[in-house]
């Protein structure tokens, strides 16, 4: 049976951030930690070894695949900072136009540093992602 690699853990978020090698990236991680916590109202939790997630929800696909995931999150990786959001494609593209310097993959938005982005747009990304997931999975417990 499939077991997701990214599960909520009891690891310390602060300890993880303190172990980020690059001092500027570590500073940005603390800034993002504050923005995500203030915007969502959720406590930060580690998901897997390197994702800092906020809130959680249970998803179940038509294929039968199911699991838990953070509502939103980020990871201060070596190359770039990964931001995790779930939005409808049109809404995502609209927000990305005014987000600032970034690159985008299918499930992530990547930034070099917090100074490159608009924090108000980041907060909108966070709020819209939480709203989207609550609407998408209305019968599942959202924490």
N, C-alpha and C. Protein backbone atom coordinates (compact mmCIF):
# COMPACT_ATOMS: atom_id res chain seq x y z
N UNK A 1 0.84 -1.18 0.00
CA UNK A 1 0.00 0.00 0.00
C UNK A 1 0.88 1.24 0.00
N UNK A 2 0.47 2.26 -0.72
CA UNK A 2 1.22 3.51 -0.83
C UNK A 2 1.29 4.23 0.52
N UNK A 3 2.49 4.64 0.90
CA UNK A 3 2.68 5.43 2.11
C UNK A 3 3.30 6.77 1.71
N UNK A 4 2.61 7.89 1.98
CA UNK A 4 3.19 9.18 1.62
C UNK A 4 4.48 9.46 2.38
N UNK A 5 5.46 10.06 1.69
CA UNK A 5 6.73 10.40 2.31
C UNK A 5 6.60 11.62 3.22
N UNK A 6 5.72 12.53 2.83
CA UNK A 6 5.59 13.79 3.56
C UNK A 6 4.46 13.67 4.57
N UNK A 7 4.85 13.37 5.80
CA UNK A 7 3.90 13.26 6.91
C UNK A 7 4.30 14.26 7.99
N UNK A 8 3.31 14.68 8.77
CA UNK A 8 3.59 15.56 9.89
C UNK A 8 4.48 14.82 10.89
N UNK A 9 5.49 15.53 11.40
CA UNK A 9 6.40 14.93 12.37
C UNK A 9 6.41 15.77 13.65
N UNK A 10 7.11 15.26 14.65
CA UNK A 10 7.27 15.99 15.91
C UNK A 10 8.58 16.78 15.94
N UNK A 11 9.29 16.84 14.84
CA UNK A 11 10.55 17.57 14.78
C UNK A 11 10.32 19.05 15.04
N UNK A 12 11.34 19.71 15.57
CA UNK A 12 11.26 21.12 15.92
C UNK A 12 11.45 22.02 14.70
N UNK A 13 10.47 22.90 14.47
CA UNK A 13 10.56 23.86 13.37
C UNK A 13 11.74 24.80 13.60
N UNK A 14 11.90 25.29 14.82
CA UNK A 14 12.98 26.23 15.13
C UNK A 14 14.34 25.56 14.93
N UNK A 15 14.47 24.34 15.39
CA UNK A 15 15.72 23.60 15.21
C UNK A 15 16.03 23.43 13.73
N UNK A 16 15.01 23.11 12.94
CA UNK A 16 15.20 22.97 11.50
C UNK A 16 15.70 24.29 10.89
N UNK A 17 15.05 25.40 11.24
CA UNK A 17 15.45 26.70 10.69
C UNK A 17 16.87 27.05 11.14
N UNK A 18 17.18 26.77 12.40
CA UNK A 18 18.53 27.08 12.91
C UNK A 18 19.62 26.30 12.17
N UNK A 19 19.26 25.18 11.57
CA UNK A 19 20.22 24.37 10.83
C UNK A 19 20.32 24.74 9.35
N UNK A 20 19.58 25.77 8.91
CA UNK A 20 19.71 26.26 7.54
C UNK A 20 21.09 26.94 7.44
N UNK A 21 21.92 26.48 6.51
CA UNK A 21 23.31 26.96 6.41
C UNK A 21 23.44 28.44 6.10
N UNK A 22 22.70 28.90 5.12
CA UNK A 22 22.82 30.29 4.67
C UNK A 22 22.13 31.23 5.65
N UNK A 23 22.88 32.18 6.25
CA UNK A 23 22.28 33.09 7.24
C UNK A 23 21.12 33.92 6.69
N UNK A 24 21.21 34.38 5.44
CA UNK A 24 20.13 35.18 4.84
C UNK A 24 18.89 34.31 4.63
N UNK A 25 19.10 33.07 4.18
CA UNK A 25 17.97 32.16 3.98
C UNK A 25 17.32 31.81 5.33
N UNK A 26 18.14 31.68 6.36
CA UNK A 26 17.63 31.42 7.71
C UNK A 26 16.77 32.60 8.18
N UNK A 27 17.25 33.82 7.95
CA UNK A 27 16.50 35.03 8.31
C UNK A 27 15.17 35.08 7.54
N UNK A 28 15.22 34.76 6.25
CA UNK A 28 13.99 34.72 5.44
C UNK A 28 13.03 33.66 5.95
N UNK A 29 13.57 32.52 6.40
CA UNK A 29 12.71 31.45 6.92
C UNK A 29 11.96 31.92 8.16
N UNK A 30 12.63 32.67 9.02
CA UNK A 30 11.94 33.21 10.20
C UNK A 30 10.88 34.23 9.80
N UNK A 31 11.17 35.04 8.80
CA UNK A 31 10.16 36.01 8.34
C UNK A 31 8.95 35.28 7.76
N UNK A 32 9.19 34.27 6.94
CA UNK A 32 8.08 33.49 6.38
C UNK A 32 7.31 32.77 7.48
N UNK A 33 8.01 32.24 8.47
CA UNK A 33 7.36 31.58 9.59
C UNK A 33 6.35 32.53 10.24
N UNK A 34 6.77 33.75 10.48
CA UNK A 34 5.88 34.74 11.10
C UNK A 34 4.69 35.08 10.20
N UNK A 35 4.94 35.30 8.91
CA UNK A 35 3.86 35.65 7.97
C UNK A 35 2.84 34.51 7.88
N UNK A 36 3.31 33.28 7.72
CA UNK A 36 2.41 32.14 7.59
C UNK A 36 1.60 31.93 8.88
N UNK A 37 2.27 32.03 10.05
CA UNK A 37 1.55 31.82 11.32
C UNK A 37 0.51 32.91 11.54
N UNK A 38 0.89 34.17 11.31
CA UNK A 38 -0.05 35.28 11.51
C UNK A 38 -1.22 35.20 10.54
N UNK A 39 -0.95 34.81 9.31
CA UNK A 39 -1.99 34.79 8.28
C UNK A 39 -2.95 33.61 8.47
N UNK A 40 -2.42 32.44 8.82
CA UNK A 40 -3.28 31.26 8.94
C UNK A 40 -3.86 31.10 10.34
N UNK A 41 -3.13 31.55 11.36
CA UNK A 41 -3.53 31.30 12.73
C UNK A 41 -3.15 29.90 13.19
N UNK A 42 -2.45 29.14 12.36
CA UNK A 42 -2.03 27.78 12.70
C UNK A 42 -0.60 27.76 13.20
N UNK A 43 -0.32 26.82 14.08
CA UNK A 43 1.03 26.58 14.56
C UNK A 43 1.83 25.91 13.43
N UNK A 44 3.11 26.23 13.35
CA UNK A 44 3.98 25.61 12.35
C UNK A 44 4.33 24.19 12.78
N UNK A 45 4.31 23.27 11.83
CA UNK A 45 4.68 21.88 12.07
C UNK A 45 5.63 21.44 10.96
N UNK A 46 6.53 20.53 11.28
CA UNK A 46 7.39 19.95 10.26
C UNK A 46 6.61 18.84 9.55
N UNK A 47 6.73 18.82 8.23
CA UNK A 47 6.16 17.77 7.39
C UNK A 47 7.33 17.15 6.66
N UNK A 48 7.59 15.88 6.96
CA UNK A 48 8.78 15.26 6.42
C UNK A 48 10.00 15.96 6.99
N UNK A 49 11.15 15.78 6.36
CA UNK A 49 12.38 16.36 6.92
C UNK A 49 12.59 17.84 6.61
N UNK A 50 11.82 18.43 5.67
CA UNK A 50 12.20 19.78 5.24
C UNK A 50 11.07 20.75 4.90
N UNK A 51 9.82 20.38 5.13
CA UNK A 51 8.71 21.28 4.81
C UNK A 51 8.09 21.78 6.12
N UNK A 52 7.93 23.10 6.22
CA UNK A 52 7.25 23.71 7.35
C UNK A 52 5.82 23.97 6.90
N UNK A 53 4.87 23.27 7.52
CA UNK A 53 3.48 23.35 7.11
C UNK A 53 2.60 23.99 8.16
N UNK A 54 1.45 24.48 7.70
CA UNK A 54 0.50 25.18 8.57
C UNK A 54 -0.88 24.61 8.32
N UNK A 55 -1.52 24.14 9.39
CA UNK A 55 -2.81 23.50 9.24
C UNK A 55 -2.65 22.17 8.51
N UNK A 56 -3.72 21.46 8.38
CA UNK A 56 -3.68 20.21 7.61
C UNK A 56 -5.09 19.88 7.14
N UNK A 57 -5.13 19.03 6.14
CA UNK A 57 -6.42 18.54 5.63
C UNK A 57 -6.23 17.12 5.14
N UNK A 58 -7.30 16.40 5.05
CA UNK A 58 -7.28 15.03 4.55
C UNK A 58 -7.87 15.05 3.14
N UNK A 59 -7.13 14.51 2.20
CA UNK A 59 -7.62 14.45 0.82
C UNK A 59 -7.89 13.00 0.44
N UNK A 60 -8.79 12.84 -0.49
CA UNK A 60 -9.09 11.52 -1.03
C UNK A 60 -9.45 11.71 -2.50
N UNK A 61 -8.68 11.06 -3.37
CA UNK A 61 -8.91 11.17 -4.80
C UNK A 61 -9.85 10.06 -5.27
N UNK A 62 -10.41 10.25 -6.46
CA UNK A 62 -11.31 9.23 -7.02
C UNK A 62 -10.61 7.90 -7.19
N UNK A 63 -9.28 7.93 -7.38
CA UNK A 63 -8.49 6.71 -7.56
C UNK A 63 -8.42 5.89 -6.27
N UNK A 64 -8.84 6.52 -5.14
CA UNK A 64 -8.74 5.85 -3.85
C UNK A 64 -7.53 6.29 -3.06
N UNK A 65 -6.59 6.95 -3.73
CA UNK A 65 -5.40 7.48 -3.05
C UNK A 65 -5.84 8.56 -2.06
N UNK A 66 -5.35 8.47 -0.83
CA UNK A 66 -5.71 9.47 0.17
C UNK A 66 -4.55 9.71 1.11
N UNK A 67 -4.64 10.82 1.83
CA UNK A 67 -3.59 11.15 2.79
C UNK A 67 -3.85 12.49 3.43
N UNK A 68 -2.87 12.94 4.17
CA UNK A 68 -2.95 14.24 4.84
C UNK A 68 -1.84 15.12 4.29
N UNK A 69 -2.10 16.43 4.29
CA UNK A 69 -1.12 17.39 3.78
C UNK A 69 -1.33 18.71 4.50
N UNK A 70 -0.29 19.54 4.54
CA UNK A 70 -0.47 20.87 5.12
C UNK A 70 -1.32 21.73 4.18
N UNK A 71 -2.08 22.66 4.75
CA UNK A 71 -2.87 23.58 3.93
C UNK A 71 -1.94 24.46 3.09
N UNK A 72 -0.91 24.98 3.71
CA UNK A 72 0.11 25.79 3.04
C UNK A 72 1.44 25.51 3.72
N UNK A 73 2.53 25.90 3.08
CA UNK A 73 3.82 25.68 3.71
C UNK A 73 4.95 26.25 2.89
N UNK A 74 6.15 26.06 3.41
CA UNK A 74 7.35 26.50 2.70
C UNK A 74 8.53 25.65 3.13
N UNK A 75 9.60 25.73 2.34
CA UNK A 75 10.83 25.03 2.67
C UNK A 75 12.01 25.85 2.20
N UNK A 76 12.90 26.24 3.13
CA UNK A 76 14.10 26.99 2.75
C UNK A 76 15.17 26.03 2.23
N UNK A 77 15.08 25.68 0.97
CA UNK A 77 16.02 24.73 0.38
C UNK A 77 17.31 25.43 -0.04
N UNK A 78 18.34 24.64 -0.33
CA UNK A 78 19.64 25.22 -0.68
C UNK A 78 19.56 26.18 -1.86
N UNK A 79 18.94 25.76 -2.94
CA UNK A 79 18.90 26.59 -4.15
C UNK A 79 17.90 27.74 -4.03
N UNK A 80 16.68 27.42 -3.68
CA UNK A 80 15.61 28.43 -3.60
C UNK A 80 14.69 28.09 -2.44
N UNK A 81 13.83 29.03 -2.10
CA UNK A 81 12.81 28.78 -1.10
C UNK A 81 11.56 28.32 -1.83
N UNK A 82 11.04 27.16 -1.45
CA UNK A 82 9.83 26.61 -2.06
C UNK A 82 8.62 27.02 -1.24
N UNK A 83 7.59 27.51 -1.92
CA UNK A 83 6.34 27.90 -1.28
C UNK A 83 5.25 26.96 -1.80
N UNK A 84 4.45 26.42 -0.90
CA UNK A 84 3.43 25.44 -1.26
C UNK A 84 2.04 26.02 -1.08
N UNK A 85 1.31 26.12 -2.19
CA UNK A 85 -0.06 26.62 -2.19
C UNK A 85 -0.92 25.70 -3.05
N UNK A 86 -2.22 25.71 -2.83
CA UNK A 86 -3.17 25.00 -3.68
C UNK A 86 -4.27 25.98 -4.07
N UNK A 87 -4.30 26.32 -5.34
CA UNK A 87 -5.29 27.26 -5.85
C UNK A 87 -5.78 26.79 -7.21
N UNK A 88 -6.91 27.33 -7.64
CA UNK A 88 -7.34 27.10 -9.01
C UNK A 88 -6.33 27.79 -9.93
N UNK A 89 -6.09 27.22 -11.08
CA UNK A 89 -5.03 27.70 -11.99
C UNK A 89 -5.19 29.18 -12.36
N UNK A 90 -6.40 29.61 -12.70
CA UNK A 90 -6.60 31.02 -13.08
C UNK A 90 -6.27 31.96 -11.93
N UNK A 91 -6.70 31.61 -10.74
CA UNK A 91 -6.43 32.44 -9.57
C UNK A 91 -4.94 32.47 -9.26
N UNK A 92 -4.29 31.33 -9.39
CA UNK A 92 -2.85 31.23 -9.17
C UNK A 92 -2.10 32.14 -10.13
N UNK A 93 -2.44 32.06 -11.41
CA UNK A 93 -1.75 32.87 -12.43
C UNK A 93 -1.97 34.36 -12.19
N UNK A 94 -3.17 34.73 -11.77
CA UNK A 94 -3.47 36.13 -11.50
C UNK A 94 -2.61 36.66 -10.35
N UNK A 95 -2.50 35.90 -9.27
CA UNK A 95 -1.68 36.32 -8.13
C UNK A 95 -0.19 36.34 -8.49
N UNK A 96 0.25 35.38 -9.29
CA UNK A 96 1.66 35.34 -9.67
C UNK A 96 2.10 36.57 -10.46
N UNK A 97 1.17 37.17 -11.22
CA UNK A 97 1.52 38.36 -12.02
C UNK A 97 2.00 39.51 -11.15
N UNK A 98 1.48 39.62 -9.93
CA UNK A 98 1.88 40.73 -9.06
C UNK A 98 2.71 40.26 -7.85
N UNK A 99 3.20 39.02 -7.90
CA UNK A 99 3.90 38.44 -6.76
C UNK A 99 5.33 38.94 -6.60
N UNK A 100 5.98 39.23 -7.70
CA UNK A 100 7.39 39.60 -7.64
C UNK A 100 8.23 38.55 -8.34
N UNK A 101 9.53 38.60 -8.12
CA UNK A 101 10.47 37.71 -8.80
C UNK A 101 10.31 36.28 -8.27
N UNK A 102 10.00 35.35 -9.17
CA UNK A 102 9.76 33.96 -8.80
C UNK A 102 9.87 33.07 -10.02
N UNK A 103 9.90 31.78 -9.79
CA UNK A 103 9.65 30.79 -10.84
C UNK A 103 8.56 29.88 -10.28
N UNK A 104 7.85 29.21 -11.15
CA UNK A 104 6.74 28.38 -10.68
C UNK A 104 6.82 27.00 -11.31
N UNK A 105 6.58 26.00 -10.50
CA UNK A 105 6.43 24.64 -10.96
C UNK A 105 4.96 24.26 -10.85
N UNK A 106 4.66 23.00 -11.03
CA UNK A 106 3.27 22.55 -10.97
C UNK A 106 2.66 22.77 -9.59
N UNK A 107 3.38 22.40 -8.54
CA UNK A 107 2.81 22.52 -7.20
C UNK A 107 3.49 23.54 -6.31
N UNK A 108 4.56 24.15 -6.79
CA UNK A 108 5.34 25.07 -5.95
C UNK A 108 5.60 26.38 -6.65
N UNK A 109 5.88 27.37 -5.83
CA UNK A 109 6.39 28.65 -6.33
C UNK A 109 7.75 28.80 -5.66
N UNK A 110 8.76 29.16 -6.44
CA UNK A 110 10.11 29.26 -5.93
C UNK A 110 10.58 30.71 -5.92
N UNK A 111 11.20 31.10 -4.80
CA UNK A 111 11.76 32.45 -4.70
C UNK A 111 13.21 32.34 -4.22
N UNK A 112 14.01 33.36 -4.54
CA UNK A 112 15.38 33.41 -4.04
C UNK A 112 15.42 33.98 -2.64
N UNK A 113 14.62 35.03 -2.42
CA UNK A 113 14.59 35.69 -1.10
C UNK A 113 13.27 36.43 -0.93
N UNK A 114 12.92 36.66 0.32
CA UNK A 114 11.65 37.31 0.66
C UNK A 114 11.60 38.73 0.09
N UNK A 115 12.74 39.40 0.04
CA UNK A 115 12.77 40.78 -0.47
C UNK A 115 12.34 40.87 -1.94
N UNK A 116 12.33 39.76 -2.65
CA UNK A 116 11.95 39.74 -4.08
C UNK A 116 10.44 39.73 -4.29
N UNK A 117 9.67 39.49 -3.23
CA UNK A 117 8.22 39.30 -3.41
C UNK A 117 7.41 40.34 -2.65
N UNK A 118 6.15 40.45 -3.03
CA UNK A 118 5.20 41.33 -2.36
C UNK A 118 4.53 40.54 -1.23
N UNK A 119 4.75 40.97 0.01
CA UNK A 119 4.19 40.24 1.15
C UNK A 119 2.66 40.25 1.17
N UNK A 120 2.05 41.33 0.69
CA UNK A 120 0.58 41.35 0.65
C UNK A 120 0.05 40.28 -0.30
N UNK A 121 0.75 40.05 -1.40
CA UNK A 121 0.33 39.01 -2.35
C UNK A 121 0.59 37.63 -1.74
N UNK A 122 1.69 37.47 -1.01
CA UNK A 122 1.95 36.21 -0.31
C UNK A 122 0.81 35.90 0.65
N UNK A 123 0.37 36.89 1.41
CA UNK A 123 -0.74 36.69 2.35
C UNK A 123 -2.02 36.32 1.62
N UNK A 124 -2.24 36.91 0.45
CA UNK A 124 -3.41 36.56 -0.35
C UNK A 124 -3.31 35.12 -0.85
N UNK A 125 -2.11 34.71 -1.28
CA UNK A 125 -1.88 33.32 -1.69
C UNK A 125 -2.25 32.38 -0.54
N UNK A 126 -1.78 32.70 0.65
CA UNK A 126 -2.03 31.85 1.82
C UNK A 126 -3.53 31.78 2.11
N UNK A 127 -4.19 32.92 2.18
CA UNK A 127 -5.63 32.95 2.48
C UNK A 127 -6.45 32.22 1.42
N UNK A 128 -6.13 32.45 0.15
CA UNK A 128 -6.90 31.82 -0.93
C UNK A 128 -6.66 30.31 -0.99
N UNK A 129 -5.45 29.89 -0.65
CA UNK A 129 -5.15 28.45 -0.64
C UNK A 129 -5.95 27.75 0.45
N UNK A 130 -5.98 28.32 1.64
CA UNK A 130 -6.75 27.73 2.74
C UNK A 130 -8.23 27.67 2.35
N UNK A 131 -8.74 28.75 1.80
CA UNK A 131 -10.16 28.80 1.37
C UNK A 131 -10.43 27.74 0.29
N UNK A 132 -9.55 27.65 -0.70
CA UNK A 132 -9.72 26.69 -1.79
C UNK A 132 -9.76 25.25 -1.26
N UNK A 133 -8.84 24.91 -0.36
CA UNK A 133 -8.80 23.54 0.16
C UNK A 133 -10.01 23.22 1.03
N UNK A 134 -10.48 24.20 1.78
CA UNK A 134 -11.69 23.98 2.59
C UNK A 134 -12.90 23.76 1.70
N UNK A 135 -12.96 24.44 0.57
CA UNK A 135 -14.07 24.27 -0.37
C UNK A 135 -13.93 22.97 -1.16
N UNK A 136 -12.71 22.59 -1.49
CA UNK A 136 -12.45 21.38 -2.28
C UNK A 136 -12.70 20.11 -1.47
N UNK A 137 -12.36 20.16 -0.18
CA UNK A 137 -12.51 18.99 0.69
C UNK A 137 -13.44 19.33 1.85
N UNK A 138 -14.72 19.66 1.54
CA UNK A 138 -15.64 20.12 2.59
C UNK A 138 -16.02 19.04 3.60
N UNK A 139 -15.95 17.79 3.18
CA UNK A 139 -16.36 16.70 4.10
C UNK A 139 -15.20 16.13 4.87
N UNK A 140 -14.02 16.67 4.64
CA UNK A 140 -12.84 16.19 5.34
C UNK A 140 -12.48 17.18 6.43
N UNK A 141 -11.92 16.69 7.49
CA UNK A 141 -11.55 17.55 8.62
C UNK A 141 -10.35 18.42 8.24
N UNK A 142 -10.52 19.70 8.37
CA UNK A 142 -9.44 20.65 8.14
C UNK A 142 -9.03 21.17 9.50
N UNK A 143 -7.76 21.00 9.80
CA UNK A 143 -7.26 21.42 11.13
C UNK A 143 -6.42 22.67 10.99
